[in-house]
Amino acid sequence: MLIRQFVIEGLGHLSALVADESTGVAAVVDPRRDVDIYLAAAAEADVRITHVVETHLHNDYVSGGRDLAALTGASHVIGAGAELAYDHRPVRHGEEIEVGRLRLTVLETPGHTPEHVAYALADLSRADEPVVMFTGGSLLVGAVGRTDLLGEENAVPFARQQFRSLREVILAHEDFVGVYPTHGAGSLCSTGIASTPNSTIGFERRHNRMLGPTEVEKFIRVLLRDQPTFPRYFARMRPTNQAGPKLLGGRVPDPRPMTVEDVEAAIKRDALVVDARQPVAHALSHIPRSLSIPAGTSFGTWLGWVVESDRPVILVLDDPADWDDLVRQALRVGHEDVIGHLRGGIAAWLEAGRPAESNGRLTVDQLAGRLTGGGQDAPLVIDVRQANEYASGHVPGSVRIGAGELPARLADLPRNRPVATICASGYRSSVAASLLKQAGFEDVSWVANGLPSWEALGYPVDVGRGAAESEGIKAATHAH
């Protein structure tokens, strides 16, 4: 038996190829949108993909299940409750799927989603009992899947289901059974997920804090406390995956370089320029009203969070070689219309004499100086991190509005004073500053390095959640 895991950092997505090498057949569990990686892995292992197996309708990414099944002729397997609108094999609790001498047994495990199933894997060449379990979004490494993604009204009922699924189904297995989840470190489908991509039932039984509570009410309180805010694109993923994502044929679009004139024409047709250069470069000079989403593992998450999925996107790149990775990330969150990238980058735009603008960039020393000095130069500090990060320590007087929440909060913010955005590293604060600039705020800066540097240099820190955001904004504006 061969099991090979695949990890998408940033998105926190885990998938697997599981193969019976003796018979040359394999299954792929919870495939990503860009499925060429599984075709290459199967070719390398000299096996044929006969099954595409999914644990649930995914909220955090567009599934590659339909595409992979179409390309390979594999049977597409998912829990009957998913009710896919295209060809698939719906399965129920106790059904078995044969992949050569491997057997996957379906385990209905609702909670993270109502149709959720796990799969217990037995290698029949050795024994009849399971040795591995693909747990999807139920049991994770160090955590369990959250239950509020389909609406707050479902959070508690689904948490009760999650408790039963864990206690009565998953933990009924032997301690040696391996745990291979779909959500790993970086996923917003839970909090506290460990960086290790797999584990065992026994290790999780002993060390997973979410398996400690034996009373369902305590489990619910712990599970639903301090879950991170999730991107707005999550609302599109479930219906997209249920209806059937557009088939890509296993191909990612080739680079599409655009001239300065091409870019100008596209902007007039409402295309959005997304600047994927590093925050410092964007702050110094960028195309007016362009959005800063720096290249890196979180690019797709932030693109899906703050840009409408049907809006055409043009990229500004540091390196044309970044195209492939960024387009893959865009496709994974349902952005099909990345129409090209500016040939020659920002240098070509400037050499052509086109207008440019800049954002301010503050060091933590500069921010401290402006706050101490007060007066017209003192900015409203917006902390754009998650609520639990803010509560653990923040700049005194700062207001927390998550970067992804900013577009809906613009009317609350004063336009008659400077604004400075801050996060942990400068990534989210750069995104936030560009959102504010795009919305017409004139005096906008982002803070390089963020809270860790602020604390390291000995500047004061407040803890706790502070005043409600609206009250904090009013107070800060009034004080100014």
Protein backbone atom coordinates (compact mmCIF):
# COMPACT_ATOMS: atom_id res chain seq x y z
CA MET A 1 0.00 0.00 0.00
CA LEU A 2 1.23 3.46 -0.92
CA ILE A 3 -0.13 6.67 0.62
CA ARG A 4 1.17 10.00 -0.60
CA GLN A 5 -0.10 13.24 0.93
CA PHE A 6 -0.20 16.60 -0.82
CA VAL A 7 -0.20 19.91 1.08
CA ILE A 8 -1.32 23.38 0.00
CA GLU A 9 0.17 25.83 2.48
CA GLY A 10 -1.85 28.94 3.20
CA LEU A 11 -5.09 27.22 2.23
CA GLY A 12 -4.28 24.47 4.72
CA HIS A 13 -5.55 21.80 2.33
CA LEU A 14 -4.48 18.15 2.56
CA SER A 15 -5.25 15.49 -0.03
CA ALA A 16 -3.91 12.00 -0.67
CA LEU A 17 -3.20 9.41 -3.32
CA VAL A 18 -3.67 5.91 -1.92
CA ALA A 19 -2.65 3.02 -4.15
CA ASP A 20 -2.48 -0.74 -4.23
CA GLU A 21 0.80 -1.08 -6.06
CA SER A 22 0.36 -4.84 -6.52
CA THR A 23 -2.71 -4.37 -8.73
CA GLY A 24 -1.78 -0.94 -10.11
CA VAL A 25 -4.88 0.98 -9.03
CA ALA A 26 -5.36 4.04 -6.84
CA ALA A 27 -7.83 6.46 -5.29
CA VAL A 28 -7.44 10.18 -4.68
CA VAL A 29 -9.04 11.62 -1.55
CA ASP A 30 -10.36 15.22 -1.55
CA PRO A 31 -8.46 16.49 -4.61
CA ARG A 32 -7.50 20.12 -5.13
CA ARG A 33 -8.78 22.05 -8.18
CA ASP A 34 -5.57 21.76 -10.21
CA VAL A 35 -5.42 17.99 -10.58
CA ASP A 36 -2.32 17.60 -12.74
CA ILE A 37 -0.33 16.85 -9.58
CA TYR A 38 -2.29 13.60 -9.05
CA LEU A 39 -1.93 12.53 -12.67
CA ALA A 40 1.83 13.01 -12.41
CA ALA A 41 2.01 11.14 -9.09
CA ALA A 42 -0.02 8.23 -10.49
CA ALA A 43 2.23 8.05 -13.54
CA GLU A 44 5.31 8.08 -11.33
CA ALA A 45 3.92 5.23 -9.22
CA ASP A 46 2.72 3.40 -12.36
CA VAL A 47 -0.86 3.14 -11.10
CA ARG A 48 -4.24 4.02 -12.57
CA ILE A 49 -6.68 6.27 -10.69
CA THR A 50 -9.96 4.34 -10.47
CA HIS A 51 -11.67 6.25 -7.67
CA VAL A 52 -12.01 9.89 -6.64
CA VAL A 53 -13.22 9.94 -3.04
CA GLU A 54 -14.51 13.02 -1.20
CA THR A 55 -15.39 13.41 2.46
CA HIS A 56 -17.75 16.39 2.13
CA LEU A 57 -18.86 19.38 0.12
CA HIS A 58 -15.96 21.73 0.68
CA ASN A 59 -16.43 25.28 1.94
CA ASP A 60 -12.84 26.45 1.53
CA TYR A 61 -11.86 25.49 -2.01
CA VAL A 62 -13.21 24.38 -5.37
CA SER A 63 -13.00 20.62 -5.63
CA GLY A 64 -11.01 18.91 -8.37
CA GLY A 65 -13.15 15.78 -8.04
CA ARG A 66 -15.27 16.33 -11.12
CA ASP A 67 -12.26 17.19 -13.29
CA LEU A 68 -10.17 14.24 -12.10
CA ALA A 69 -13.01 11.78 -12.60
CA ALA A 70 -13.64 13.11 -16.12
CA LEU A 71 -9.96 12.85 -17.03
CA THR A 72 -9.41 9.34 -15.68
CA GLY A 73 -12.82 7.70 -15.97
CA ALA A 74 -12.71 7.13 -12.21
CA SER A 75 -15.79 6.64 -10.08
CA HIS A 76 -16.51 9.83 -8.14
CA VAL A 77 -17.54 8.86 -4.60
CA ILE A 78 -19.13 11.14 -1.99
CA GLY A 79 -21.70 10.84 0.80
CA ALA A 80 -25.28 10.53 -0.44
CA GLY A 81 -26.29 13.72 1.34
CA ALA A 82 -24.08 15.81 -0.95
CA GLU A 83 -26.59 15.40 -3.80
CA LEU A 84 -24.18 16.42 -6.55
CA ALA A 85 -25.82 17.68 -9.73
CA TYR A 86 -23.49 15.63 -11.98
CA ASP A 87 -22.47 12.01 -12.34
CA HIS A 88 -21.19 10.43 -9.12
CA ARG A 89 -21.57 7.46 -6.78
CA PRO A 90 -23.48 8.41 -3.60
CA VAL A 91 -22.56 6.23 -0.63
CA ARG A 92 -23.97 5.59 2.83
CA HIS A 93 -22.69 4.34 6.15
CA GLY A 94 -21.17 0.87 5.98
CA GLU A 95 -20.79 0.70 2.20
CA GLU A 96 -17.44 -0.56 0.93
CA ILE A 97 -15.29 0.62 -1.96
CA GLU A 98 -12.71 -1.77 -3.37
CA VAL A 99 -9.47 -0.32 -4.77
CA GLY A 100 -7.53 -3.40 -5.70
CA ARG A 101 -6.76 -5.14 -2.42
CA LEU A 102 -7.59 -2.01 -0.46
CA ARG A 103 -11.02 -1.51 1.08
CA LEU A 104 -12.54 1.84 2.03
CA THR A 105 -15.50 1.61 4.41
CA VAL A 106 -17.86 4.59 4.51
CA LEU A 107 -18.50 6.13 7.95
CA GLU A 108 -21.21 8.74 8.20
CA THR A 109 -19.75 11.48 10.40
CA PRO A 110 -21.95 14.60 10.18
CA GLY A 111 -20.94 17.72 12.06
CA HIS A 112 -18.46 19.79 10.10
CA THR A 113 -21.04 19.53 7.31
CA PRO A 114 -24.30 17.57 7.36
CA GLU A 115 -23.34 15.13 4.57
CA HIS A 116 -19.83 14.48 5.90
CA VAL A 117 -18.38 10.97 5.69
CA ALA A 118 -15.02 9.49 6.69
CA TYR A 119 -13.38 6.43 5.13
CA ALA A 120 -11.70 3.63 7.09
CA LEU A 121 -9.01 1.99 4.98
CA ALA A 122 -7.98 -1.67 5.31
CA ASP A 123 -5.09 -3.27 3.45
CA LEU A 124 -6.59 -6.71 2.80
CA SER A 125 -3.20 -8.14 1.84
CA ARG A 126 -2.30 -7.88 5.52
CA ALA A 127 -5.48 -7.75 7.59
CA ASP A 128 -9.20 -7.16 7.51
CA GLU A 129 -9.20 -4.35 10.07
CA PRO A 130 -8.64 -0.65 9.26
CA VAL A 131 -5.16 0.77 9.45
CA VAL A 132 -5.87 4.32 8.23
CA MET A 133 -8.84 6.69 8.33
CA PHE A 134 -9.45 9.63 6.00
CA THR A 135 -11.24 11.92 8.43
CA GLY A 136 -11.93 14.94 6.22
CA GLY A 137 -13.16 17.79 8.40
CA SER A 138 -14.19 15.73 11.43
CA LEU A 139 -11.08 14.74 13.40
CA LEU A 140 -8.11 16.96 12.55
CA VAL A 141 -4.58 16.87 13.93
CA GLY A 142 -4.85 18.75 17.21
CA ALA A 143 -8.37 20.00 16.53
CA VAL A 144 -11.75 19.12 15.06
CA GLY A 145 -13.63 20.78 12.22
CA ARG A 146 -15.72 23.83 13.10
CA THR A 147 -19.50 23.64 12.70
CA ASP A 148 -20.52 27.24 12.01
CA LEU A 149 -19.57 27.56 8.34
CA LEU A 150 -23.12 26.98 7.12
CA GLY A 151 -24.63 29.67 9.34
CA GLU A 152 -24.71 30.53 13.02
CA GLU A 153 -28.13 28.90 13.31
CA ASN A 154 -26.54 25.55 12.45
CA ALA A 155 -23.46 25.87 14.66
CA VAL A 156 -24.85 24.25 17.81
CA PRO A 157 -26.95 21.49 16.16
CA PHE A 158 -24.01 20.54 13.95
CA ALA A 159 -21.66 20.63 16.97
CA ARG A 160 -23.89 18.04 18.67
CA GLN A 161 -23.57 15.88 15.56
CA GLN A 162 -19.82 16.41 15.54
CA PHE A 163 -19.57 15.28 19.17
CA ARG A 164 -21.46 12.05 18.40
CA SER A 165 -19.47 11.40 15.22
CA LEU A 166 -16.20 11.72 17.08
CA ARG A 167 -17.20 9.73 20.16
CA GLU A 168 -19.34 6.99 18.64
CA VAL A 169 -17.77 6.48 15.22
CA ILE A 170 -14.18 7.69 14.94
CA LEU A 171 -12.93 7.00 18.45
CA ALA A 172 -14.45 3.52 18.30
CA HIS A 173 -11.40 2.53 16.23
CA GLU A 174 -8.08 1.19 17.50
CA ASP A 175 -5.38 3.59 18.65
CA PHE A 176 -2.98 2.52 15.89
CA VAL A 177 -5.31 3.68 13.09
CA GLY A 178 -3.75 6.56 11.19
CA VAL A 179 -5.58 9.89 10.89
CA TYR A 180 -5.38 11.65 7.51
CA PRO A 181 -7.56 14.80 7.56
CA THR A 182 -8.40 17.23 4.75
CA HIS A 183 -7.81 20.40 6.78
CA GLY A 184 -4.32 21.12 8.03
CA ALA A 185 -2.36 24.01 9.52
CA GLY A 186 -3.45 27.32 7.99
CA SER A 187 -6.99 26.19 7.25
CA LEU A 188 -9.77 28.47 8.46
CA CYS A 189 -12.03 25.43 8.91
CA SER A 190 -10.92 25.31 12.54
CA THR A 191 -8.47 26.81 15.00
CA GLY A 192 -5.48 25.22 16.72
CA ILE A 193 -4.70 22.74 13.93
CA ALA A 194 -1.22 21.25 14.34
CA SER A 195 1.37 21.57 11.59
CA THR A 196 1.81 17.78 11.35
CA PRO A 197 -0.25 16.57 8.36
CA ASN A 198 -1.26 13.20 9.86
CA SER A 199 -1.52 11.47 13.22
CA THR A 200 -3.13 8.43 14.86
CA ILE A 201 -6.37 7.83 16.73
CA GLY A 202 -4.39 7.03 19.87
CA PHE A 203 -2.26 10.16 19.79
CA GLU A 204 -5.29 12.37 19.19
CA ARG A 205 -7.26 10.58 21.89
CA ARG A 206 -4.48 11.45 24.35
CA HIS A 207 -3.40 14.92 23.18
CA ASN A 208 -6.20 16.57 21.16
CA ARG A 209 -7.80 19.14 23.47
CA MET A 210 -11.12 18.86 21.62
CA LEU A 211 -11.41 15.20 22.57
CA GLY A 212 -11.10 16.01 26.27
CA PRO A 213 -14.63 17.22 27.03
CA THR A 214 -16.91 14.28 27.78
CA GLU A 215 -20.02 16.45 28.12
CA VAL A 216 -21.54 17.68 24.89
CA GLU A 217 -22.33 21.18 26.20
CA LYS A 218 -18.73 21.77 27.23
CA PHE A 219 -17.56 20.44 23.85
CA ILE A 220 -19.83 22.93 22.09
CA ARG A 221 -18.55 25.87 24.16
CA VAL A 222 -14.91 25.00 23.53
CA LEU A 223 -15.45 24.27 19.82
CA LEU A 224 -17.27 27.48 18.99
CA ARG A 225 -15.06 29.79 21.06
CA ASP A 226 -12.54 31.97 19.22
CA GLN A 227 -12.97 30.45 15.78
CA PRO A 228 -11.34 32.69 13.15
CA THR A 229 -13.31 34.89 10.80
CA PHE A 230 -13.57 33.13 7.47
CA PRO A 231 -13.42 34.62 3.95
CA ARG A 232 -16.58 35.62 2.16
CA TYR A 233 -15.71 33.34 -0.76
CA PHE A 234 -16.58 30.37 1.49
CA ALA A 235 -20.26 31.11 0.81
CA ARG A 236 -19.73 30.32 -2.88
CA MET A 237 -17.78 27.10 -2.53
CA ARG A 238 -20.48 24.70 -1.36
CA PRO A 239 -23.00 25.56 -4.14
CA THR A 240 -20.17 25.60 -6.70
CA ASN A 241 -19.00 22.15 -5.70
CA GLN A 242 -22.52 20.80 -5.55
CA ALA A 243 -23.49 22.12 -8.99
CA GLY A 244 -20.20 21.06 -10.57
CA PRO A 245 -17.15 23.30 -11.11
CA LYS A 246 -16.09 24.24 -14.60
CA LEU A 247 -13.91 21.51 -16.14
CA LEU A 248 -10.29 22.59 -16.63
CA GLY A 249 -9.10 19.42 -18.33
CA GLY A 250 -6.16 19.21 -15.95
CA ARG A 251 -4.62 22.34 -17.45
CA VAL A 252 -3.67 25.67 -15.91
CA PRO A 253 -3.81 28.68 -18.27
CA ASP A 254 -0.49 29.69 -19.80
CA PRO A 255 0.93 33.17 -19.05
CA ARG A 256 -0.88 35.99 -20.83
CA PRO A 257 1.38 39.05 -21.02
CA MET A 258 -0.46 42.33 -21.65
CA THR A 259 0.87 45.65 -22.95
CA VAL A 260 0.35 48.88 -21.05
CA GLU A 261 -2.35 49.77 -23.58
CA ASP A 262 -4.05 46.39 -23.08
CA VAL A 263 -4.10 46.97 -19.33
CA GLU A 264 -5.53 50.48 -19.67
CA ALA A 265 -8.30 49.22 -21.94
CA ALA A 266 -9.15 46.39 -19.55
CA ILE A 267 -9.29 48.79 -16.58
CA LYS A 268 -11.83 50.88 -18.49
CA ARG A 269 -13.92 47.70 -18.79
CA ASP A 270 -13.81 47.34 -14.96
CA ALA A 271 -10.90 44.91 -14.68
CA LEU A 272 -9.08 45.11 -11.36
CA VAL A 273 -5.30 45.34 -11.12
CA VAL A 274 -3.97 43.09 -8.36
CA ASP A 275 -0.38 43.93 -7.49
CA ALA A 276 1.37 40.74 -6.36
CA ARG A 277 4.70 42.41 -5.61
CA GLN A 278 5.98 42.66 -2.07
CA PRO A 279 4.33 45.29 0.16
CA VAL A 280 7.29 47.69 0.14
CA ALA A 281 7.39 47.77 -3.66
CA HIS A 282 3.65 48.38 -3.91
CA ALA A 283 3.81 51.17 -1.31
CA LEU A 284 6.53 53.01 -3.23
CA SER A 285 4.73 53.10 -6.57
CA HIS A 286 1.74 51.34 -8.06
CA ILE A 287 -1.01 51.67 -10.63
CA PRO A 288 -3.74 53.91 -9.19
CA ARG A 289 -6.54 52.00 -7.42
CA SER A 290 -4.65 48.72 -7.70
CA LEU A 291 -4.99 46.24 -4.87
CA SER A 292 -1.98 44.85 -3.00
CA ILE A 293 -2.13 41.08 -2.49
CA PRO A 294 1.50 39.97 -2.29
CA ALA A 295 2.54 36.68 -3.87
CA GLY A 296 2.89 33.89 -1.33
CA THR A 297 0.95 31.01 0.11
CA SER A 298 -1.98 33.21 1.21
CA PHE A 299 -2.53 34.95 -2.13
CA GLY A 300 -5.56 32.86 -3.09
CA THR A 301 -7.25 33.23 0.28
CA TRP A 302 -7.02 37.01 0.16
CA LEU A 303 -8.02 37.22 -3.49
CA GLY A 304 -11.16 35.24 -2.67
CA TRP A 305 -11.77 37.30 0.45
CA VAL A 306 -11.69 40.83 -1.00
CA VAL A 307 -12.27 40.53 -4.76
CA GLU A 308 -15.56 39.57 -6.42
CA SER A 309 -15.22 36.22 -8.18
CA ASP A 310 -16.67 37.48 -11.48
CA ARG A 311 -14.42 40.52 -11.75
CA PRO A 312 -11.63 40.25 -14.35
CA VAL A 313 -8.18 40.46 -12.75
CA ILE A 314 -4.86 41.65 -14.13
CA LEU A 315 -1.70 40.79 -12.20
CA VAL A 316 1.39 42.92 -11.65
CA LEU A 317 4.25 40.53 -10.93
CA ASP A 318 7.77 40.78 -9.58
CA ASP A 319 8.67 37.81 -11.75
CA PRO A 320 6.64 36.38 -14.67
CA ALA A 321 7.43 32.92 -13.24
CA ASP A 322 4.98 33.72 -10.41
CA TRP A 323 2.09 33.39 -12.87
CA ASP A 324 1.60 29.64 -12.58
CA ASP A 325 1.39 29.53 -8.79
CA LEU A 326 -0.88 32.57 -8.49
CA VAL A 327 -3.29 31.41 -11.19
CA ARG A 328 -3.51 28.00 -9.51
CA GLN A 329 -4.35 29.71 -6.23
CA ALA A 330 -6.97 31.85 -7.96
CA LEU A 331 -8.62 28.80 -9.53
CA ARG A 332 -8.76 27.02 -6.17
CA VAL A 333 -10.99 29.77 -4.77
CA GLY A 334 -13.17 30.09 -7.86
CA HIS A 335 -11.52 32.98 -9.71
CA GLU A 336 -11.66 31.88 -13.34
CA ASP A 337 -11.01 35.26 -14.97
CA VAL A 338 -7.36 36.18 -14.44
CA ILE A 339 -7.00 37.74 -17.88
CA GLY A 340 -3.26 38.40 -17.88
CA HIS A 341 -0.27 40.16 -16.35
CA LEU A 342 1.43 43.45 -17.18
CA ARG A 343 4.33 42.71 -19.53
CA GLY A 344 7.49 44.23 -18.06
CA GLY A 345 5.83 44.82 -14.70
CA ILE A 346 5.51 48.19 -13.03
CA ALA A 347 8.67 49.42 -14.78
CA ALA A 348 6.89 49.22 -18.13
CA TRP A 349 3.98 51.23 -16.76
CA LEU A 350 6.25 53.97 -15.41
CA GLU A 351 8.46 54.06 -18.52
CA ALA A 352 5.33 54.61 -20.59
CA GLY A 353 4.63 57.74 -18.54
CA ARG A 354 1.44 56.44 -16.97
CA PRO A 355 0.27 57.81 -13.61
CA ALA A 356 1.24 56.10 -10.36
CA GLU A 357 0.45 56.55 -6.69
CA SER A 358 1.95 55.47 -3.40
CA ASN A 359 0.98 54.49 0.14
CA GLY A 360 2.79 55.45 3.29
CA ARG A 361 4.97 52.93 5.11
CA LEU A 362 5.73 53.34 8.80
CA THR A 363 8.22 51.58 11.00
CA VAL A 364 7.00 50.84 14.52
CA ASP A 365 9.29 53.62 15.79
CA GLN A 366 7.69 56.09 13.40
CA LEU A 367 4.21 54.96 14.43
CA ALA A 368 5.08 55.35 18.12
CA GLY A 369 6.46 58.82 17.45
CA ARG A 370 3.34 59.96 15.62
CA LEU A 371 1.06 58.56 18.33
CA THR A 372 3.11 60.20 21.09
CA GLY A 373 3.18 63.53 19.29
CA GLY A 374 -0.59 63.59 18.91
CA GLY A 375 -2.21 66.37 16.96
CA GLN A 376 -3.13 66.21 13.30
CA ASP A 377 -0.29 63.77 12.59
CA ALA A 378 -1.59 61.04 14.92
CA PRO A 379 -3.20 58.29 12.86
CA LEU A 380 -6.19 56.11 13.63
CA VAL A 381 -4.54 52.71 14.05
CA ILE A 382 -6.58 49.86 12.61
CA ASP A 383 -5.46 46.41 13.73
CA VAL A 384 -6.45 44.08 10.89
CA ARG A 385 -5.70 40.76 12.61
CA GLN A 386 -8.12 38.15 13.90
CA ALA A 387 -9.98 38.88 17.16
CA ASN A 388 -7.96 36.40 19.24
CA GLU A 389 -4.69 37.92 17.99
CA TYR A 390 -5.89 41.39 18.91
CA ALA A 391 -7.01 40.24 22.37
CA SER A 392 -3.57 38.80 23.12
CA GLY A 393 -1.92 42.19 22.62
CA HIS A 394 -2.43 45.36 20.59
CA VAL A 395 -1.35 48.99 20.25
CA PRO A 396 -3.21 51.02 22.89
CA GLY A 397 -6.10 52.92 21.33
CA SER A 398 -6.09 50.84 18.16
CA VAL A 399 -9.35 49.58 16.67
CA ARG A 400 -9.72 46.02 15.38
CA ILE A 401 -11.30 45.50 11.98
CA GLY A 402 -10.12 42.39 10.16
CA ALA A 403 -8.60 43.09 6.76
CA GLY A 404 -11.29 41.03 5.06
CA GLU A 405 -14.02 42.94 6.90
CA LEU A 406 -12.80 46.39 5.83
CA PRO A 407 -14.82 46.71 2.59
CA ALA A 408 -18.05 46.47 4.61
CA ARG A 409 -16.84 48.95 7.26
CA LEU A 410 -15.61 51.86 5.16
CA ALA A 411 -18.57 54.10 6.05
CA ASP A 412 -17.61 53.85 9.75
CA LEU A 413 -14.12 55.24 9.25
CA PRO A 414 -13.14 58.92 9.43
CA ARG A 415 -11.77 60.46 6.25
CA ASN A 416 -10.44 63.59 7.93
CA ARG A 417 -7.42 62.02 9.63
CA PRO A 418 -4.50 59.73 8.81
CA VAL A 419 -5.04 55.98 9.02
CA ALA A 420 -2.38 53.35 9.75
CA THR A 421 -3.02 49.62 9.38
CA ILE A 422 -1.10 47.05 11.40
CA CYS A 423 -0.95 43.24 11.58
CA ALA A 424 1.67 40.69 12.58
CA SER A 425 4.01 40.81 9.60
CA GLY A 426 2.94 43.56 7.20
CA TYR A 427 1.10 41.27 4.74
CA ARG A 428 -2.47 41.85 5.88
CA SER A 429 -1.83 45.50 6.69
CA SER A 430 -0.60 46.04 3.11
CA VAL A 431 -3.79 44.46 1.74
CA ALA A 432 -5.86 46.63 4.08
CA ALA A 433 -4.01 49.85 3.23
CA SER A 434 -4.55 49.27 -0.47
CA LEU A 435 -8.27 48.62 0.13
CA LEU A 436 -8.53 51.96 1.92
CA LYS A 437 -6.58 53.75 -0.80
CA GLN A 438 -8.79 52.17 -3.44
CA ALA A 439 -11.84 53.48 -1.56
CA GLY A 440 -10.53 57.05 -1.70
CA PHE A 441 -8.83 57.44 1.69
CA GLU A 442 -5.92 59.79 1.07
CA ASP A 443 -3.53 59.58 4.03
CA VAL A 444 -3.02 55.82 4.45
CA SER A 445 0.03 53.98 5.79
CA TRP A 446 0.79 50.39 6.72
CA VAL A 447 3.15 49.38 9.49
CA ALA A 448 6.08 47.20 8.54
CA ASN A 449 6.75 44.14 10.74
CA GLY A 450 3.76 44.83 12.98
CA LEU A 451 2.96 43.84 16.56
CA PRO A 452 5.93 41.51 17.17
CA SER A 453 8.34 44.36 16.46
CA TRP A 454 6.23 46.81 18.46
CA GLU A 455 6.43 44.52 21.49
CA ALA A 456 10.10 43.66 20.97
CA LEU A 457 11.02 47.35 21.08
CA GLY A 458 9.26 47.76 24.42
CA TYR A 459 6.29 49.88 23.37
CA PRO A 460 3.14 49.54 25.51
CA VAL A 461 0.60 46.85 24.73
CA ASP A 462 -3.01 46.50 25.81
CA VAL A 463 -4.64 43.09 26.13
CA GLY A 464 -8.28 42.05 25.90
CA ARG A 465 -10.89 42.73 23.29
CA GLY A 466 -11.30 46.41 24.16
CA ALA A 467 -14.37 48.43 23.20
CA ALA A 468 -16.71 47.37 20.45
CA GLU A 469 -15.32 48.36 17.06
CA SER A 470 -17.93 51.04 16.40
CA GLU A 471 -17.39 52.53 19.87
CA GLY A 472 -13.63 52.42 19.40
CA ILE A 473 -13.83 54.24 16.09
CA LYS A 474 -16.13 56.92 17.53
CA ALA A 475 -13.86 57.38 20.54
CA ALA A 476 -10.73 57.63 18.42
CA THR A 477 -12.36 60.10 16.05
CA HIS A 478 -13.68 62.22 18.91
CA ALA A 479 -10.30 62.26 20.62
CA HIS A 480 -8.72 63.49 17.43
